[in-house]
Amino acid sequence: MKYKYFFLLFLFASVIANAQYPKIENSLDRRIKAYLDENVNNWRDMNVPISDGKILYDLIVKNKYTEALEIGTSTGHSAIWIAWALSKTGGKLITIEIDKNRWLQAKANFKKAGVEKYIDARLADAHQLVPELSGKYDFVFSDADKYWYKNYFIAMDPKLEVGGCFTAHNTAMRGSGISDFLDYIESLKHYETTYAPNSRSGISISYKTAPTPDS
């Protein structure tokens, strides 16, 4: 009876996990899903869970975003989800990581998952690099040092296209600088901020509705 219970529990967990994946349409989809399945229990070291990866994927595909930035790569779980979405829209991701070991592991993970051509993985201090980035973006995912979220947002706001989206992870914490960031972004008239309902960690979703006012 005990073995039957564990089998049913495993089967239920497998059904739930598979329900979180996008529809498989081509060989790249199959390769990415297979890689994520094989490593489902290996995404520690500050990576997002599967459910949050799917939220990011859906936002990008739904809005047809193509110019994405991730602040805080860790070992690459969220970046793989973002790149998977960008493979559908014809876009590319810049992702920034300060720790060399995590950056090297992420690059290896991108290659194994088959998404390396959709990712420009940069080893850098985001405090310095984010303000220096040129060009325009339509999607940003912030998942680095929480006390710097507001600064990352202020640096990226003028570079974010109208209709673009700035997302941030771990917003359920409401501490360590996150409250300051959320209070700030919620006060802006040219953004509409909501929160992903199915994220336990919390993901803020802020759509830019008008150009950045002149300072």
Protein backbone atom coordinates (compact mmCIF):
# COMPACT_ATOMS: atom_id res chain seq x y z
CA MET A 1 0.00 0.00 0.00
CA LYS A 2 2.85 2.33 0.89
CA TYR A 3 4.52 1.79 -2.51
CA LYS A 4 1.23 2.48 -4.29
CA TYR A 5 0.93 5.76 -2.38
CA PHE A 6 4.43 6.87 -3.36
CA PHE A 7 3.81 5.85 -6.99
CA LEU A 8 0.62 7.90 -7.11
CA LEU A 9 2.40 10.84 -5.47
CA PHE A 10 5.19 10.63 -8.07
CA LEU A 11 2.65 10.36 -10.89
CA PHE A 12 0.74 13.39 -9.60
CA ALA A 13 3.96 15.43 -9.34
CA SER A 14 4.91 14.44 -12.88
CA VAL A 15 1.51 15.50 -14.25
CA ILE A 16 1.75 18.87 -12.47
CA ALA A 17 5.30 19.46 -13.74
CA ASN A 18 4.40 18.59 -17.34
CA ALA A 19 1.36 20.88 -17.18
CA GLN A 20 3.73 23.76 -16.51
CA TYR A 21 5.63 23.28 -19.77
CA PRO A 22 4.64 25.01 -23.01
CA LYS A 23 3.23 23.06 -25.93
CA ILE A 24 5.99 21.12 -27.67
CA GLU A 25 6.06 22.13 -31.33
CA ASN A 26 9.54 21.41 -32.67
CA SER A 27 12.89 19.74 -32.00
CA LEU A 28 14.23 22.68 -29.97
CA ASP A 29 11.17 22.54 -27.72
CA ARG A 30 11.78 18.83 -27.16
CA ARG A 31 15.47 19.41 -26.41
CA ILE A 32 14.79 22.21 -23.91
CA LYS A 33 12.03 20.31 -22.14
CA ALA A 34 14.16 17.16 -21.94
CA TYR A 35 17.02 19.15 -20.44
CA LEU A 36 14.77 20.87 -17.90
CA ASP A 37 13.19 17.52 -16.99
CA GLU A 38 16.60 15.94 -16.45
CA ASN A 39 17.69 18.78 -14.18
CA VAL A 40 14.44 19.52 -12.41
CA ASN A 41 16.01 18.93 -8.98
CA ASN A 42 19.31 20.68 -9.71
CA TRP A 43 18.21 24.32 -9.89
CA ARG A 44 19.41 25.55 -6.54
CA ASP A 45 21.81 28.45 -6.00
CA MET A 46 19.17 31.22 -6.24
CA ASN A 47 17.41 29.94 -9.37
CA VAL A 48 13.68 30.39 -9.97
CA PRO A 49 11.24 27.43 -9.74
CA ILE A 50 9.60 25.95 -12.84
CA SER A 51 6.33 27.81 -12.22
CA ASP A 52 8.11 31.18 -12.26
CA GLY A 53 10.05 30.26 -15.39
CA LYS A 54 6.73 29.53 -17.12
CA ILE A 55 5.35 32.93 -16.01
CA LEU A 56 8.30 34.68 -17.68
CA TYR A 57 7.90 32.53 -20.79
CA ASP A 58 4.21 33.36 -21.09
CA LEU A 59 4.78 37.10 -20.68
CA ILE A 60 7.32 37.17 -23.50
CA VAL A 61 5.36 35.02 -25.93
CA LYS A 62 2.05 36.75 -25.24
CA ASN A 63 3.51 40.21 -25.83
CA LYS A 64 5.93 39.17 -28.60
CA TYR A 65 8.92 40.68 -26.82
CA THR A 66 12.28 40.38 -28.55
CA GLU A 67 14.82 42.54 -26.67
CA ALA A 68 15.25 41.10 -23.20
CA LEU A 69 17.54 41.76 -20.26
CA GLU A 70 18.03 39.61 -17.18
CA ILE A 71 19.86 41.01 -14.16
CA GLY A 72 21.19 38.08 -12.16
CA THR A 73 21.77 34.87 -14.14
CA SER A 74 22.76 32.49 -11.34
CA THR A 75 23.29 29.16 -13.15
CA GLY A 76 20.74 29.87 -15.83
CA HIS A 77 17.32 28.35 -15.12
CA SER A 78 15.30 31.53 -15.68
CA ALA A 79 17.47 32.49 -18.67
CA ILE A 80 16.67 29.16 -20.33
CA TRP A 81 12.95 29.85 -19.93
CA ILE A 82 13.37 33.38 -21.28
CA ALA A 83 15.48 32.17 -24.20
CA TRP A 84 12.92 29.45 -24.92
CA ALA A 85 10.27 32.16 -25.26
CA LEU A 86 12.57 34.31 -27.38
CA SER A 87 13.08 31.38 -29.75
CA LYS A 88 9.37 31.81 -30.53
CA THR A 89 9.50 35.59 -31.03
CA GLY A 90 12.85 35.84 -32.82
CA GLY A 91 14.50 37.72 -29.97
CA LYS A 92 17.62 37.59 -27.86
CA LEU A 93 18.52 37.90 -24.17
CA ILE A 94 21.35 39.72 -22.45
CA THR A 95 21.89 38.18 -19.02
CA ILE A 96 24.35 39.49 -16.42
CA GLU A 97 26.09 37.52 -13.67
CA ILE A 98 28.82 38.75 -11.32
CA ASP A 99 30.04 35.37 -10.03
CA LYS A 100 32.42 33.65 -12.45
CA ASN A 101 31.66 30.08 -11.36
CA ARG A 102 27.90 30.59 -11.74
CA TRP A 103 28.47 32.34 -15.08
CA LEU A 104 30.55 29.44 -16.42
CA GLN A 105 27.97 26.91 -15.23
CA ALA A 106 25.16 28.94 -16.82
CA LYS A 107 26.97 29.06 -20.16
CA ALA A 108 27.42 25.28 -20.05
CA ASN A 109 23.73 24.86 -19.21
CA PHE A 110 22.69 27.09 -22.10
CA LYS A 111 24.69 24.97 -24.54
CA LYS A 112 23.28 21.70 -23.20
CA ALA A 113 19.73 23.06 -23.42
CA GLY A 114 20.34 24.24 -26.99
CA VAL A 115 19.53 27.92 -26.35
CA GLU A 116 23.02 29.46 -26.43
CA LYS A 117 22.40 31.33 -29.70
CA TYR A 118 19.55 33.23 -28.05
CA ILE A 119 21.66 34.41 -25.10
CA ASP A 120 24.45 36.94 -24.65
CA ALA A 121 25.77 35.94 -21.22
CA ARG A 122 27.93 38.64 -19.68
CA LEU A 123 30.24 38.33 -16.69
CA ALA A 124 30.00 41.74 -15.05
CA ASP A 125 28.93 43.82 -12.08
CA ALA A 126 25.35 44.79 -12.90
CA HIS A 127 25.69 47.93 -10.76
CA GLN A 128 28.13 49.19 -13.38
CA LEU A 129 26.94 47.49 -16.56
CA VAL A 130 23.19 48.14 -16.41
CA PRO A 131 23.50 51.96 -16.53
CA GLU A 132 25.99 51.60 -19.40
CA LEU A 133 23.78 49.42 -21.60
CA SER A 134 22.80 51.01 -24.90
CA GLY A 135 19.77 50.37 -27.07
CA LYS A 136 16.13 49.71 -26.31
CA TYR A 137 14.52 46.80 -24.49
CA ASP A 138 11.00 45.50 -24.14
CA PHE A 139 11.44 42.98 -21.31
CA VAL A 140 13.52 43.09 -18.12
CA PHE A 141 13.75 40.47 -15.36
CA SER A 142 15.49 41.62 -12.19
CA ASP A 143 16.67 38.83 -9.88
CA ALA A 144 19.92 40.08 -8.38
CA ASP A 145 20.65 42.02 -5.18
CA LYS A 146 17.27 43.08 -3.84
CA TYR A 147 18.42 46.33 -2.26
CA TRP A 148 19.49 47.53 -5.74
CA TYR A 149 16.19 46.78 -7.53
CA LYS A 150 15.11 50.43 -7.52
CA ASN A 151 18.46 51.50 -8.99
CA TYR A 152 18.23 48.87 -11.74
CA PHE A 153 14.76 50.06 -12.59
CA ILE A 154 15.74 53.74 -12.70
CA ALA A 155 18.63 52.87 -15.03
CA MET A 156 16.42 50.81 -17.36
CA ASP A 157 13.24 52.92 -17.39
CA PRO A 158 14.39 55.29 -20.19
CA LYS A 159 15.58 52.30 -22.24
CA LEU A 160 12.34 50.35 -21.90
CA GLU A 161 9.94 50.66 -24.82
CA VAL A 162 6.36 51.77 -24.21
CA GLY A 163 4.42 48.52 -23.94
CA GLY A 164 7.48 46.86 -22.47
CA CYS A 165 7.55 45.07 -19.15
CA PHE A 166 9.84 45.27 -16.11
CA THR A 167 9.56 42.21 -13.88
CA ALA A 168 11.23 41.53 -10.54
CA HIS A 169 11.59 38.34 -8.51
CA ASN A 170 11.09 37.61 -4.80
CA THR A 171 8.69 40.52 -4.37
CA ALA A 172 6.71 38.53 -1.79
CA MET A 173 9.60 39.19 0.62
CA ARG A 174 8.71 42.89 0.97
CA GLY A 175 12.03 43.61 2.62
CA SER A 176 15.73 44.09 1.92
CA GLY A 177 15.03 47.04 -0.35
CA ILE A 178 12.18 45.39 -2.24
CA SER A 179 9.56 47.49 -0.45
CA ASP A 180 11.32 50.69 -1.53
CA PHE A 181 11.37 49.45 -5.13
CA LEU A 182 7.71 48.41 -5.11
CA ASP A 183 6.54 51.62 -3.44
CA TYR A 184 8.44 53.59 -6.07
CA ILE A 185 7.25 51.72 -9.13
CA GLU A 186 3.65 51.60 -7.91
CA SER A 187 3.72 55.40 -7.58
CA LEU A 188 4.68 55.99 -11.23
CA LYS A 189 1.91 57.17 -13.53
CA HIS A 190 3.57 55.75 -16.65
CA TYR A 191 3.58 52.18 -15.29
CA GLU A 192 0.85 49.73 -14.32
CA THR A 193 2.04 47.17 -11.79
CA THR A 194 0.42 43.87 -10.91
CA TYR A 195 1.70 40.66 -9.33
CA ALA A 196 1.81 37.15 -10.75
CA PRO A 197 -0.93 35.26 -8.87
CA ASN A 198 0.74 31.84 -9.10
CA SER A 199 4.21 32.73 -7.86
CA ARG A 200 5.03 31.80 -4.28
CA SER A 201 8.24 33.83 -4.38
CA GLY A 202 6.45 36.79 -5.93
CA ILE A 203 6.95 38.38 -9.34
CA SER A 204 6.02 41.99 -9.93
CA ILE A 205 4.88 42.76 -13.48
CA SER A 206 5.11 46.42 -14.46
CA TYR A 207 3.95 47.46 -17.93
CA LYS A 208 5.19 50.77 -19.29
CA THR A 209 2.13 52.66 -20.52
CA ALA A 210 3.70 55.97 -21.58
CA PRO A 211 7.13 57.47 -22.30
CA THR A 212 9.43 58.24 -19.38
CA PRO A 213 8.77 61.84 -18.28
CA ASP A 214 11.63 64.27 -18.71
CA SER A 215 13.51 64.75 -15.46
